[in-house]
Amino acid sequence: MKIRGIIFDFDGLILDTETPEVMAWENVFKQFGHTFPLDRYLGMIGKASNNHFVHGFLREYGLTEDQLQTALHKHHATLARTGYLDKPRAGILDFIQSAQQAELRLGVASNSFASWVCGNLSRLNMKHLFDPICTRDNVTNGKPDPELYNLVLQKWEFTPQEALVLEDSPNGILAAKRAGLLCIVVPNPITSKMDLSKADMIFPSFEDFTLQEILSKFENYLED
């Protein structure tokens, strides 16, 4: 069967938000005299509201609400200084251009809220590249539930065999597989530390594969 669309995750995949998030939280925890619990944080990647869980970690150390607000401000200030949010991940725009030339539909399925996803895509001049953009606002259950991916398929009126997913985390992979979708993982420096073995293919970066390479592999697989 011919692949007609590609569904992208957002955080960590299109924009490497994970690396600066960890850098920023490590800085915050250090200023309060604690070590950031990276192992616990990794388990939250790909789920909704990572920051909610981090606030919970800080509360475990007895921080007051005022201190939590100070921590949040410090986090945002550090995040803005990292430079990671200034541009999309290397190679992704070339990949998208190849997909457009192949007349593939492109969509987004993100556990983050629309204000964050659409705001950043607009800032990067990328929002017009995707339709639909489905976010946490549009579903009852976020990833690893398949609802977001099922919603994109429903809007396209595609079967799971007509689309591929690009992800960067285990929870995203699980959501894609539960929706019956083939899944390619392009991890960032943080999610590369995680178990990504349930993906159908893994590449270190968008510069390490071509659209034609994956289309040929998966279309032949679907015909077998």
N, C-alpha and C. Protein backbone atom coordinates (compact mmCIF):
# COMPACT_ATOMS: atom_id res chain seq x y z
N MET A 1 0.84 -1.19 0.00
CA MET A 1 0.00 0.00 0.00
C MET A 1 0.88 1.24 0.00
N LYS A 2 0.44 2.28 -0.68
CA LYS A 2 1.24 3.50 -0.81
C LYS A 2 1.08 4.40 0.41
N ILE A 3 2.20 4.90 0.91
CA ILE A 3 2.18 5.87 2.01
C ILE A 3 1.72 7.22 1.48
N ARG A 4 0.71 7.81 2.15
CA ARG A 4 0.15 9.08 1.69
C ARG A 4 0.37 10.22 2.67
N GLY A 5 0.81 9.92 3.88
CA GLY A 5 0.97 10.98 4.87
C GLY A 5 2.00 10.64 5.93
N ILE A 6 2.56 11.66 6.54
CA ILE A 6 3.51 11.51 7.64
C ILE A 6 3.03 12.36 8.80
N ILE A 7 2.98 11.75 9.98
CA ILE A 7 2.54 12.44 11.20
C ILE A 7 3.76 12.68 12.08
N PHE A 8 3.96 13.92 12.47
CA PHE A 8 5.11 14.32 13.28
C PHE A 8 4.69 14.57 14.73
N ASP A 9 5.49 14.09 15.65
CA ASP A 9 5.44 14.59 17.02
C ASP A 9 6.02 16.01 16.97
N PHE A 10 5.88 16.76 18.05
CA PHE A 10 6.45 18.12 18.05
C PHE A 10 7.63 18.24 19.00
N ASP A 11 7.36 18.21 20.32
CA ASP A 11 8.43 18.44 21.30
C ASP A 11 9.50 17.35 21.22
N GLY A 12 10.73 17.80 21.04
CA GLY A 12 11.84 16.87 20.96
C GLY A 12 12.12 16.37 19.56
N LEU A 13 11.13 16.46 18.67
CA LEU A 13 11.30 15.95 17.31
C LEU A 13 11.49 17.09 16.31
N ILE A 14 10.47 17.95 16.17
CA ILE A 14 10.60 19.11 15.28
C ILE A 14 11.50 20.16 15.92
N LEU A 15 11.27 20.40 17.19
CA LEU A 15 12.06 21.36 17.96
C LEU A 15 12.64 20.62 19.16
N ASP A 16 13.95 20.69 19.35
CA ASP A 16 14.54 19.99 20.49
C ASP A 16 14.28 20.77 21.77
N THR A 17 13.13 20.52 22.34
CA THR A 17 12.77 21.15 23.61
C THR A 17 13.29 20.36 24.79
N GLU A 18 13.60 19.09 24.60
CA GLU A 18 13.98 18.23 25.72
C GLU A 18 15.36 18.59 26.28
N THR A 19 16.33 18.80 25.40
CA THR A 19 17.69 19.11 25.88
C THR A 19 17.72 20.39 26.72
N PRO A 20 17.14 21.51 26.23
CA PRO A 20 17.17 22.71 27.06
C PRO A 20 16.30 22.59 28.31
N GLU A 21 15.21 21.81 28.25
CA GLU A 21 14.39 21.60 29.45
C GLU A 21 15.23 20.97 30.55
N VAL A 22 15.96 19.92 30.21
CA VAL A 22 16.79 19.25 31.21
C VAL A 22 17.89 20.19 31.71
N MET A 23 18.52 20.93 30.81
CA MET A 23 19.56 21.88 31.21
C MET A 23 18.99 22.92 32.18
N ALA A 24 17.80 23.42 31.84
CA ALA A 24 17.19 24.46 32.67
C ALA A 24 16.79 23.92 34.04
N TRP A 25 16.18 22.73 34.08
CA TRP A 25 15.77 22.17 35.36
C TRP A 25 16.97 21.78 36.21
N GLU A 26 18.04 21.28 35.57
CA GLU A 26 19.25 20.97 36.34
C GLU A 26 19.78 22.23 37.02
N ASN A 27 19.72 23.36 36.32
CA ASN A 27 20.17 24.63 36.88
C ASN A 27 19.30 25.05 38.07
N VAL A 28 17.98 24.89 37.92
CA VAL A 28 17.06 25.26 38.99
C VAL A 28 17.30 24.41 40.23
N PHE A 29 17.37 23.10 40.05
CA PHE A 29 17.55 22.21 41.20
C PHE A 29 18.87 22.50 41.90
N LYS A 30 19.91 22.78 41.11
CA LYS A 30 21.21 23.08 41.70
C LYS A 30 21.14 24.32 42.57
N GLN A 31 20.39 25.35 42.11
CA GLN A 31 20.29 26.59 42.88
C GLN A 31 19.56 26.38 44.19
N PHE A 32 18.70 25.36 44.25
CA PHE A 32 18.00 25.06 45.49
C PHE A 32 18.70 23.97 46.29
N GLY A 33 19.91 23.58 45.85
CA GLY A 33 20.71 22.63 46.61
C GLY A 33 20.35 21.18 46.39
N HIS A 34 19.73 20.87 45.24
CA HIS A 34 19.32 19.49 44.98
C HIS A 34 19.81 19.04 43.60
N THR A 35 19.77 17.74 43.38
CA THR A 35 20.14 17.16 42.09
C THR A 35 18.88 16.82 41.32
N PHE A 36 18.82 17.24 40.08
CA PHE A 36 17.65 16.97 39.24
C PHE A 36 17.50 15.47 39.02
N PRO A 37 16.31 14.89 39.31
CA PRO A 37 16.09 13.45 39.16
C PRO A 37 15.85 13.06 37.69
N LEU A 38 16.93 13.00 36.91
CA LEU A 38 16.82 12.78 35.47
C LEU A 38 16.11 11.47 35.15
N ASP A 39 16.42 10.40 35.89
CA ASP A 39 15.80 9.10 35.58
C ASP A 39 14.28 9.17 35.70
N ARG A 40 13.79 9.87 36.70
CA ARG A 40 12.34 10.01 36.87
C ARG A 40 11.75 10.88 35.78
N TYR A 41 12.49 11.92 35.40
CA TYR A 41 12.01 12.82 34.35
C TYR A 41 11.91 12.09 33.02
N LEU A 42 12.87 11.24 32.72
CA LEU A 42 12.86 10.51 31.45
C LEU A 42 11.58 9.71 31.28
N GLY A 43 11.07 9.17 32.37
CA GLY A 43 9.83 8.40 32.30
C GLY A 43 8.61 9.23 31.95
N MET A 44 8.73 10.56 32.13
CA MET A 44 7.61 11.45 31.84
C MET A 44 7.64 11.98 30.40
N ILE A 45 8.78 11.87 29.73
CA ILE A 45 8.90 12.41 28.37
C ILE A 45 7.93 11.72 27.43
N GLY A 46 7.22 12.51 26.64
CA GLY A 46 6.21 11.96 25.74
C GLY A 46 4.83 11.90 26.34
N LYS A 47 4.72 12.18 27.63
CA LYS A 47 3.42 12.29 28.28
C LYS A 47 3.06 13.76 28.42
N ALA A 48 1.84 14.02 28.83
CA ALA A 48 1.39 15.41 28.95
C ALA A 48 1.96 16.05 30.21
N SER A 49 2.20 17.36 30.13
CA SER A 49 2.52 18.19 31.29
C SER A 49 3.74 17.73 32.06
N ASN A 50 4.89 17.65 31.38
CA ASN A 50 6.13 17.30 32.08
C ASN A 50 6.41 18.22 33.25
N ASN A 51 6.17 19.53 33.05
CA ASN A 51 6.49 20.49 34.10
C ASN A 51 5.68 20.24 35.37
N HIS A 52 4.46 19.71 35.21
CA HIS A 52 3.65 19.37 36.38
C HIS A 52 4.38 18.36 37.25
N PHE A 53 5.00 17.36 36.63
CA PHE A 53 5.72 16.35 37.40
C PHE A 53 6.97 16.93 38.04
N VAL A 54 7.65 17.83 37.33
CA VAL A 54 8.85 18.45 37.90
C VAL A 54 8.49 19.28 39.12
N HIS A 55 7.37 20.00 39.06
CA HIS A 55 6.92 20.74 40.24
C HIS A 55 6.69 19.79 41.41
N GLY A 56 6.17 18.62 41.10
CA GLY A 56 5.97 17.60 42.14
C GLY A 56 7.28 17.17 42.75
N PHE A 57 8.32 17.02 41.91
CA PHE A 57 9.63 16.66 42.43
C PHE A 57 10.12 17.73 43.40
N LEU A 58 9.95 19.00 43.01
CA LEU A 58 10.41 20.09 43.87
C LEU A 58 9.64 20.14 45.18
N ARG A 59 8.33 19.87 45.12
CA ARG A 59 7.53 19.88 46.34
C ARG A 59 8.02 18.81 47.33
N GLU A 60 8.54 17.72 46.79
CA GLU A 60 9.05 16.65 47.66
C GLU A 60 10.21 17.15 48.53
N TYR A 61 10.90 18.21 48.07
CA TYR A 61 12.00 18.77 48.84
C TYR A 61 11.53 19.86 49.79
N GLY A 62 10.22 20.07 49.85
CA GLY A 62 9.66 21.01 50.82
C GLY A 62 9.64 22.45 50.38
N LEU A 63 9.74 22.73 49.10
CA LEU A 63 9.70 24.10 48.63
C LEU A 63 8.30 24.69 48.80
N THR A 64 8.25 25.95 49.18
CA THR A 64 6.97 26.65 49.32
C THR A 64 6.46 27.05 47.93
N GLU A 65 5.21 27.52 47.88
CA GLU A 65 4.65 27.96 46.61
C GLU A 65 5.44 29.14 46.03
N ASP A 66 5.87 30.05 46.91
CA ASP A 66 6.68 31.18 46.43
C ASP A 66 7.99 30.68 45.83
N GLN A 67 8.60 29.71 46.48
CA GLN A 67 9.85 29.15 45.96
C GLN A 67 9.62 28.42 44.64
N LEU A 68 8.47 27.76 44.53
CA LEU A 68 8.13 27.08 43.28
C LEU A 68 7.99 28.08 42.14
N GLN A 69 7.37 29.22 42.41
CA GLN A 69 7.22 30.25 41.39
C GLN A 69 8.59 30.82 41.01
N THR A 70 9.46 30.99 41.99
CA THR A 70 10.82 31.45 41.71
C THR A 70 11.55 30.43 40.84
N ALA A 71 11.36 29.15 41.16
CA ALA A 71 11.98 28.08 40.37
C ALA A 71 11.49 28.11 38.93
N LEU A 72 10.19 28.36 38.77
CA LEU A 72 9.61 28.39 37.43
C LEU A 72 10.19 29.56 36.62
N HIS A 73 10.33 30.72 37.24
CA HIS A 73 10.90 31.88 36.56
C HIS A 73 12.36 31.62 36.17
N LYS A 74 13.11 30.99 37.10
CA LYS A 74 14.50 30.66 36.80
C LYS A 74 14.58 29.68 35.63
N HIS A 75 13.65 28.73 35.62
CA HIS A 75 13.61 27.73 34.55
C HIS A 75 13.39 28.40 33.20
N HIS A 76 12.39 29.29 33.13
CA HIS A 76 12.08 29.96 31.87
C HIS A 76 13.25 30.82 31.40
N ALA A 77 13.90 31.50 32.33
CA ALA A 77 15.02 32.37 31.98
C ALA A 77 16.18 31.55 31.41
N THR A 78 16.47 30.43 32.04
CA THR A 78 17.56 29.56 31.56
C THR A 78 17.21 28.95 30.22
N LEU A 79 15.95 28.54 30.07
CA LEU A 79 15.49 27.92 28.83
C LEU A 79 15.69 28.86 27.65
N ALA A 80 15.37 30.12 27.84
CA ALA A 80 15.48 31.09 26.75
C ALA A 80 16.92 31.34 26.34
N ARG A 81 17.86 31.15 27.27
CA ARG A 81 19.27 31.44 26.99
C ARG A 81 20.00 30.29 26.28
N THR A 82 19.41 29.11 26.25
CA THR A 82 20.14 27.95 25.71
C THR A 82 20.34 28.02 24.20
N GLY A 83 19.41 28.67 23.47
CA GLY A 83 19.50 28.75 22.02
C GLY A 83 18.88 27.59 21.29
N TYR A 84 18.50 26.55 22.01
CA TYR A 84 17.93 25.36 21.36
C TYR A 84 16.58 25.64 20.71
N LEU A 85 15.86 26.62 21.22
CA LEU A 85 14.52 26.89 20.71
C LEU A 85 14.52 27.89 19.56
N ASP A 86 15.71 28.29 19.12
CA ASP A 86 15.80 29.30 18.07
C ASP A 86 15.55 28.75 16.67
N LYS A 87 15.70 27.44 16.50
CA LYS A 87 15.54 26.86 15.16
C LYS A 87 15.14 25.39 15.28
N PRO A 88 14.50 24.84 14.24
CA PRO A 88 14.13 23.42 14.27
C PRO A 88 15.36 22.53 14.21
N ARG A 89 15.17 21.25 14.45
CA ARG A 89 16.28 20.32 14.44
C ARG A 89 16.93 20.24 13.05
N ALA A 90 18.21 20.00 13.04
CA ALA A 90 18.98 19.96 11.79
C ALA A 90 18.41 18.91 10.83
N GLY A 91 18.22 19.31 9.60
CA GLY A 91 17.79 18.39 8.56
C GLY A 91 16.29 18.24 8.39
N ILE A 92 15.50 18.71 9.36
CA ILE A 92 14.07 18.45 9.28
C ILE A 92 13.40 19.26 8.18
N LEU A 93 13.86 20.46 7.91
CA LEU A 93 13.24 21.26 6.85
C LEU A 93 13.50 20.64 5.47
N ASP A 94 14.68 20.09 5.27
CA ASP A 94 14.97 19.40 4.01
C ASP A 94 14.08 18.17 3.86
N PHE A 95 13.89 17.45 4.95
CA PHE A 95 13.02 16.26 4.92
C PHE A 95 11.59 16.66 4.58
N ILE A 96 11.11 17.72 5.20
CA ILE A 96 9.75 18.19 4.93
C ILE A 96 9.60 18.63 3.48
N GLN A 97 10.62 19.31 2.97
CA GLN A 97 10.57 19.73 1.57
C GLN A 97 10.47 18.53 0.63
N SER A 98 11.21 17.47 0.94
CA SER A 98 11.14 16.25 0.14
C SER A 98 9.74 15.64 0.19
N ALA A 99 9.13 15.66 1.39
CA ALA A 99 7.78 15.13 1.54
C ALA A 99 6.76 15.95 0.76
N GLN A 100 6.93 17.26 0.75
CA GLN A 100 6.04 18.12 -0.03
C GLN A 100 6.17 17.83 -1.52
N GLN A 101 7.40 17.66 -1.98
CA GLN A 101 7.64 17.36 -3.40
C GLN A 101 7.02 16.02 -3.79
N ALA A 102 6.94 15.11 -2.82
CA ALA A 102 6.32 13.81 -3.06
C ALA A 102 4.81 13.86 -2.87
N GLU A 103 4.28 15.06 -2.58
CA GLU A 103 2.85 15.30 -2.42
C GLU A 103 2.25 14.47 -1.27
N LEU A 104 3.01 14.36 -0.19
CA LEU A 104 2.53 13.67 1.00
C LEU A 104 1.83 14.66 1.92
N ARG A 105 0.79 14.21 2.61
CA ARG A 105 0.15 15.02 3.64
C ARG A 105 1.04 15.03 4.88
N LEU A 106 1.12 16.16 5.56
CA LEU A 106 1.93 16.30 6.76
C LEU A 106 1.06 16.79 7.90
N GLY A 107 1.11 16.11 9.03
CA GLY A 107 0.33 16.52 10.19
C GLY A 107 1.16 16.45 11.45
N VAL A 108 0.62 17.03 12.52
CA VAL A 108 1.28 17.01 13.83
C VAL A 108 0.35 16.38 14.85
N ALA A 109 0.90 15.53 15.70
CA ALA A 109 0.17 14.96 16.83
C ALA A 109 1.03 15.16 18.07
N SER A 110 0.64 16.12 18.92
CA SER A 110 1.49 16.50 20.04
C SER A 110 0.74 16.44 21.36
N ASN A 111 1.44 15.97 22.40
CA ASN A 111 0.88 15.96 23.74
C ASN A 111 0.86 17.35 24.37
N SER A 112 1.55 18.28 23.77
CA SER A 112 1.54 19.65 24.31
C SER A 112 0.27 20.38 23.87
N PHE A 113 0.03 21.52 24.50
CA PHE A 113 -1.17 22.29 24.20
C PHE A 113 -0.96 23.15 22.95
N ALA A 114 -2.07 23.51 22.31
CA ALA A 114 -2.03 24.23 21.03
C ALA A 114 -1.27 25.55 21.13
N SER A 115 -1.42 26.25 22.24
CA SER A 115 -0.74 27.55 22.37
C SER A 115 0.77 27.40 22.25
N TRP A 116 1.31 26.31 22.80
CA TRP A 116 2.75 26.06 22.74
C TRP A 116 3.16 25.59 21.35
N VAL A 117 2.45 24.58 20.83
CA VAL A 117 2.81 23.99 19.55
C VAL A 117 2.64 25.00 18.41
N CYS A 118 1.46 25.58 18.31
CA CYS A 118 1.18 26.51 17.21
C CYS A 118 2.00 27.79 17.34
N GLY A 119 2.21 28.23 18.59
CA GLY A 119 3.01 29.43 18.80
C GLY A 119 4.44 29.24 18.31
N ASN A 120 5.03 28.09 18.64
CA ASN A 120 6.39 27.83 18.21
C ASN A 120 6.48 27.57 16.71
N LEU A 121 5.51 26.84 16.16
CA LEU A 121 5.51 26.60 14.71
C LEU A 121 5.36 27.92 13.95
N SER A 122 4.53 28.82 14.46
CA SER A 122 4.37 30.13 13.82
C SER A 122 5.67 30.92 13.91
N ARG A 123 6.29 30.90 15.07
CA ARG A 123 7.55 31.62 15.27
C ARG A 123 8.64 31.12 14.32
N LEU A 124 8.63 29.81 14.06
CA LEU A 124 9.62 29.21 13.17
C LEU A 124 9.19 29.24 11.70
N ASN A 125 8.03 29.86 11.43
CA ASN A 125 7.47 29.92 10.08
C ASN A 125 7.24 28.52 9.51
N MET A 126 6.68 27.64 10.34
CA MET A 126 6.45 26.25 9.92
C MET A 126 4.98 25.82 10.06
N LYS A 127 4.17 26.65 10.67
CA LYS A 127 2.80 26.22 10.94
C LYS A 127 2.04 25.86 9.67
N HIS A 128 2.28 26.60 8.58
CA HIS A 128 1.57 26.37 7.33
C HIS A 128 1.92 25.04 6.68
N LEU A 129 2.96 24.37 7.17
CA LEU A 129 3.41 23.12 6.57
C LEU A 129 2.55 21.92 7.00
N PHE A 130 1.78 22.08 8.07
CA PHE A 130 1.08 20.94 8.66
C PHE A 130 -0.44 21.14 8.71
N ASP A 131 -1.16 20.10 8.35
CA ASP A 131 -2.62 20.10 8.46
C ASP A 131 -3.11 18.65 8.49
N PRO A 132 -3.66 18.23 9.65
CA PRO A 132 -4.00 19.04 10.82
C PRO A 132 -2.84 19.14 11.81
N ILE A 133 -3.04 20.03 12.80
CA ILE A 133 -2.17 20.09 13.97
C ILE A 133 -3.04 19.70 15.16
N CYS A 134 -2.89 18.47 15.61
CA CYS A 134 -3.70 17.96 16.72
C CYS A 134 -2.87 17.99 18.00
N THR A 135 -3.45 18.55 19.06
CA THR A 135 -2.73 18.74 20.31
C THR A 135 -3.54 18.20 21.49
N ARG A 136 -2.97 18.37 22.67
CA ARG A 136 -3.62 17.88 23.90
C ARG A 136 -5.01 18.49 24.09
N ASP A 137 -5.24 19.66 23.51
CA ASP A 137 -6.54 20.31 23.62
C ASP A 137 -7.64 19.52 22.91
N ASN A 138 -7.26 18.70 21.94
CA ASN A 138 -8.24 18.06 21.06
C ASN A 138 -8.67 16.67 21.48
N VAL A 139 -8.04 16.11 22.54
CA VAL A 139 -8.32 14.73 22.91
C VAL A 139 -8.56 14.61 24.41
N THR A 140 -9.15 13.49 24.78
CA THR A 140 -9.35 13.19 26.20
C THR A 140 -8.10 12.59 26.81
N ASN A 141 -7.43 11.75 26.04
CA ASN A 141 -6.25 11.03 26.54
C ASN A 141 -5.03 11.33 25.68
N GLY A 142 -3.96 11.75 26.34
CA GLY A 142 -2.71 12.00 25.61
C GLY A 142 -1.92 10.72 25.42
N LYS A 143 -0.79 10.83 24.73
CA LYS A 143 0.10 9.69 24.56
C LYS A 143 0.56 9.20 25.94
N PRO A 144 0.73 7.90 26.13
CA PRO A 144 0.83 6.82 25.15
C PRO A 144 -0.49 6.28 24.62
N ASP A 145 -1.61 6.89 24.97
CA ASP A 145 -2.88 6.51 24.34
C ASP A 145 -2.81 6.87 22.85
N PRO A 146 -3.42 6.08 21.97
CA PRO A 146 -3.35 6.35 20.53
C PRO A 146 -4.30 7.43 20.03
N GLU A 147 -5.07 8.07 20.92
CA GLU A 147 -6.14 8.96 20.49
C GLU A 147 -5.65 10.07 19.55
N LEU A 148 -4.51 10.67 19.84
CA LEU A 148 -4.01 11.75 18.98
C LEU A 148 -3.72 11.27 17.57
N TYR A 149 -3.09 10.11 17.46
CA TYR A 149 -2.79 9.59 16.13
C TYR A 149 -4.05 9.15 15.41
N ASN A 150 -4.97 8.56 16.14
CA ASN A 150 -6.24 8.19 15.51
C ASN A 150 -7.00 9.41 15.00
N LEU A 151 -6.87 10.52 15.72
CA LEU A 151 -7.56 11.74 15.30
C LEU A 151 -7.00 12.27 13.98
N VAL A 152 -5.68 12.26 13.83
CA VAL A 152 -5.09 12.70 12.56
C VAL A 152 -5.56 11.80 11.42
N LEU A 153 -5.52 10.49 11.64
CA LEU A 153 -5.98 9.56 10.60
C LEU A 153 -7.44 9.82 10.23
N GLN A 154 -8.25 10.08 11.25
CA GLN A 154 -9.68 10.36 11.01
C GLN A 154 -9.86 11.62 10.17
N LYS A 155 -9.10 12.66 10.48
CA LYS A 155 -9.22 13.92 9.72
C LYS A 155 -8.75 13.74 8.27
N TRP A 156 -7.76 12.91 8.07
CA TRP A 156 -7.28 12.64 6.71
C TRP A 156 -8.15 11.62 5.97
N GLU A 157 -8.92 10.86 6.74
CA GLU A 157 -9.66 9.72 6.20
C GLU A 157 -8.70 8.69 5.61
N PHE A 158 -7.61 8.45 6.35
CA PHE A 158 -6.60 7.47 5.96
C PHE A 158 -6.71 6.25 6.86
N THR A 159 -6.29 5.10 6.36
CA THR A 159 -6.10 3.93 7.20
C THR A 159 -4.70 4.01 7.81
N PRO A 160 -4.43 3.26 8.88
CA PRO A 160 -3.09 3.28 9.47
C PRO A 160 -2.00 2.85 8.48
N GLN A 161 -2.35 2.05 7.50
CA GLN A 161 -1.37 1.58 6.52
C GLN A 161 -0.97 2.66 5.51
N GLU A 162 -1.66 3.81 5.55
CA GLU A 162 -1.36 4.88 4.60
C GLU A 162 -0.53 6.00 5.19
N ALA A 163 -0.07 5.82 6.42
CA ALA A 163 0.69 6.88 7.07
C ALA A 163 1.86 6.33 7.87
N LEU A 164 2.85 7.17 8.07
CA LEU A 164 4.00 6.89 8.92
C LEU A 164 4.04 7.91 10.04
N VAL A 165 4.67 7.51 11.14
CA VAL A 165 4.85 8.41 12.28
C VAL A 165 6.33 8.66 12.49
N LEU A 166 6.68 9.91 12.80
CA LEU A 166 8.02 10.27 13.25
C LEU A 166 7.93 10.68 14.71
N GLU A 167 8.70 10.01 15.55
CA GLU A 167 8.65 10.22 17.00
C GLU A 167 10.06 10.33 17.57
N ASP A 168 10.13 10.61 18.87
CA ASP A 168 11.44 10.68 19.52
C ASP A 168 11.46 10.02 20.89
N SER A 169 10.33 9.49 21.38
CA SER A 169 10.30 8.96 22.74
C SER A 169 9.53 7.65 22.83
N PRO A 170 9.79 6.84 23.86
CA PRO A 170 9.07 5.57 24.03
C PRO A 170 7.55 5.74 24.14
N ASN A 171 7.08 6.76 24.86
CA ASN A 171 5.64 6.96 24.99
C ASN A 171 5.01 7.31 23.65
N GLY A 172 5.73 8.07 22.82
CA GLY A 172 5.23 8.38 21.49
C GLY A 172 5.20 7.15 20.60
N ILE A 173 6.24 6.33 20.70
CA ILE A 173 6.28 5.08 19.94
C ILE A 173 5.09 4.21 20.31
N LEU A 174 4.84 4.08 21.60
CA LEU A 174 3.74 3.23 22.07
C LEU A 174 2.40 3.73 21.54
N ALA A 175 2.20 5.04 21.54
CA ALA A 175 0.95 5.60 21.01
C ALA A 175 0.80 5.28 19.53
N ALA A 176 1.88 5.42 18.78
CA ALA A 176 1.84 5.13 17.34
C ALA A 176 1.53 3.67 17.08
N LYS A 177 2.20 2.79 17.80
CA LYS A 177 1.98 1.35 17.59
C LYS A 177 0.57 0.94 17.98
N ARG A 178 0.04 1.55 19.04
CA ARG A 178 -1.34 1.25 19.46
C ARG A 178 -2.35 1.71 18.41
N ALA A 179 -1.97 2.70 17.61
CA ALA A 179 -2.84 3.17 16.52
C ALA A 179 -2.64 2.35 15.25
N GLY A 180 -1.73 1.37 15.31
CA GLY A 180 -1.48 0.52 14.16
C GLY A 180 -0.56 1.14 13.13
N LEU A 181 0.22 2.13 13.53
CA LEU A 181 1.08 2.88 12.61
C LEU A 181 2.52 2.41 12.68
N LEU A 182 3.20 2.44 11.55
CA LEU A 182 4.64 2.23 11.53
C LEU A 182 5.32 3.49 12.07
N CYS A 183 6.41 3.29 12.81
CA CYS A 183 7.00 4.42 13.54
C CYS A 183 8.51 4.48 13.35
N ILE A 184 8.97 5.64 12.91
CA ILE A 184 10.40 5.94 12.80
C ILE A 184 10.78 6.86 13.95
N VAL A 185 11.89 6.56 14.60
CA VAL A 185 12.33 7.40 15.71
C VAL A 185 13.61 8.14 15.33
N VAL A 186 13.59 9.45 15.61
CA VAL A 186 14.77 10.30 15.44
C VAL A 186 14.99 10.98 16.79
N PRO A 187 15.71 10.32 17.69
CA PRO A 187 15.84 10.85 19.06
C PRO A 187 16.70 12.10 19.13
N ASN A 188 16.49 12.85 20.20
CA ASN A 188 17.36 13.98 20.51
C ASN A 188 18.37 13.52 21.57
N PRO A 189 19.31 14.36 21.98
CA PRO A 189 20.32 13.89 22.95
C PRO A 189 19.75 13.35 24.25
N ILE A 190 18.58 13.80 24.66
CA ILE A 190 17.98 13.30 25.89
C ILE A 190 17.27 11.97 25.65
N THR A 191 16.40 11.91 24.65
CA THR A 191 15.64 10.68 24.43
C THR A 191 16.48 9.55 23.86
N SER A 192 17.68 9.87 23.34
CA SER A 192 18.57 8.80 22.86
C SER A 192 19.04 7.91 23.99
N LYS A 193 18.88 8.37 25.24
CA LYS A 193 19.27 7.58 26.41
C LYS A 193 18.19 6.56 26.78
N MET A 194 17.04 6.61 26.12
CA MET A 194 15.88 5.81 26.50
C MET A 194 15.75 4.56 25.62
N ASP A 195 14.88 3.63 26.04
CA ASP A 195 14.64 2.41 25.29
C ASP A 195 13.70 2.72 24.12
N LEU A 196 14.25 2.72 22.93
CA LEU A 196 13.49 3.04 21.72
C LEU A 196 13.30 1.81 20.83
N SER A 197 13.51 0.64 21.41
CA SER A 197 13.57 -0.60 20.63
C SER A 197 12.26 -1.00 19.98
N LYS A 198 11.14 -0.45 20.44
CA LYS A 198 9.85 -0.82 19.85
C LYS A 198 9.56 -0.07 18.54
N ALA A 199 10.43 0.86 18.16
CA ALA A 199 10.26 1.57 16.90
C ALA A 199 10.60 0.64 15.73
N ASP A 200 10.05 0.95 14.57
CA ASP A 200 10.34 0.15 13.37
C ASP A 200 11.70 0.50 12.78
N MET A 201 12.10 1.77 12.91
CA MET A 201 13.41 2.21 12.46
C MET A 201 13.89 3.32 13.38
N ILE A 202 15.21 3.39 13.59
CA ILE A 202 15.80 4.44 14.43
C ILE A 202 16.95 5.08 13.66
N PHE A 203 16.95 6.42 13.61
CA PHE A 203 18.04 7.16 12.98
C PHE A 203 18.55 8.20 13.96
N PRO A 204 19.87 8.43 14.00
CA PRO A 204 20.43 9.42 14.93
C PRO A 204 19.97 10.85 14.66
N SER A 205 19.72 11.18 13.39
CA SER A 205 19.30 12.53 13.05
C SER A 205 18.55 12.51 11.72
N PHE A 206 17.95 13.64 11.37
CA PHE A 206 17.25 13.75 10.08
C PHE A 206 18.24 13.79 8.91
N GLU A 207 19.49 13.95 9.21
CA GLU A 207 20.50 13.99 8.16
C GLU A 207 21.05 12.60 7.83
N ASP A 208 20.54 11.58 8.52
CA ASP A 208 21.04 10.22 8.35
C ASP A 208 20.13 9.32 7.53
N PHE A 209 19.07 9.87 6.94
CA PHE A 209 18.20 9.07 6.09
C PHE A 209 17.48 9.99 5.12
N THR A 210 16.92 9.39 4.08
CA THR A 210 16.16 10.16 3.10
C THR A 210 14.71 9.69 3.10
N LEU A 211 13.85 10.53 2.60
CA LEU A 211 12.44 10.17 2.50
C LEU A 211 12.27 8.93 1.63
N GLN A 212 12.95 8.89 0.50
CA GLN A 212 12.80 7.76 -0.41
C GLN A 212 13.23 6.45 0.24
N GLU A 213 14.25 6.53 1.06
CA GLU A 213 14.74 5.34 1.76
C GLU A 213 13.66 4.73 2.64
N ILE A 214 13.00 5.55 3.41
CA ILE A 214 11.99 5.00 4.32
C ILE A 214 10.71 4.63 3.58
N LEU A 215 10.34 5.39 2.56
CA LEU A 215 9.14 5.05 1.81
C LEU A 215 9.31 3.70 1.11
N SER A 216 10.47 3.48 0.51
CA SER A 216 10.71 2.21 -0.17
C SER A 216 10.64 1.05 0.80
N LYS A 217 11.24 1.22 1.96
CA LYS A 217 11.26 0.14 2.95
C LYS A 217 9.86 -0.18 3.44
N PHE A 218 9.12 0.85 3.82
CA PHE A 218 7.82 0.61 4.43
C PHE A 218 6.75 0.22 3.42
N GLU A 219 6.81 0.77 2.23
CA GLU A 219 5.81 0.38 1.22
C GLU A 219 6.02 -1.07 0.80
N ASN A 220 7.27 -1.52 0.72
CA ASN A 220 7.53 -2.92 0.44
C ASN A 220 7.07 -3.81 1.59
N TYR A 221 7.26 -3.32 2.82
CA TYR A 221 6.83 -4.07 4.00
C TYR A 221 5.32 -4.25 4.01
N LEU A 222 4.60 -3.19 3.67
CA LEU A 222 3.14 -3.25 3.69
C LEU A 222 2.58 -4.15 2.59
N GLU A 223 3.36 -4.35 1.54
CA GLU A 223 2.91 -5.21 0.45
C GLU A 223 3.15 -6.68 0.73
N ASP A 224 4.07 -6.97 1.67
CA ASP A 224 4.39 -8.37 1.98
C ASP A 224 3.25 -9.08 2.71
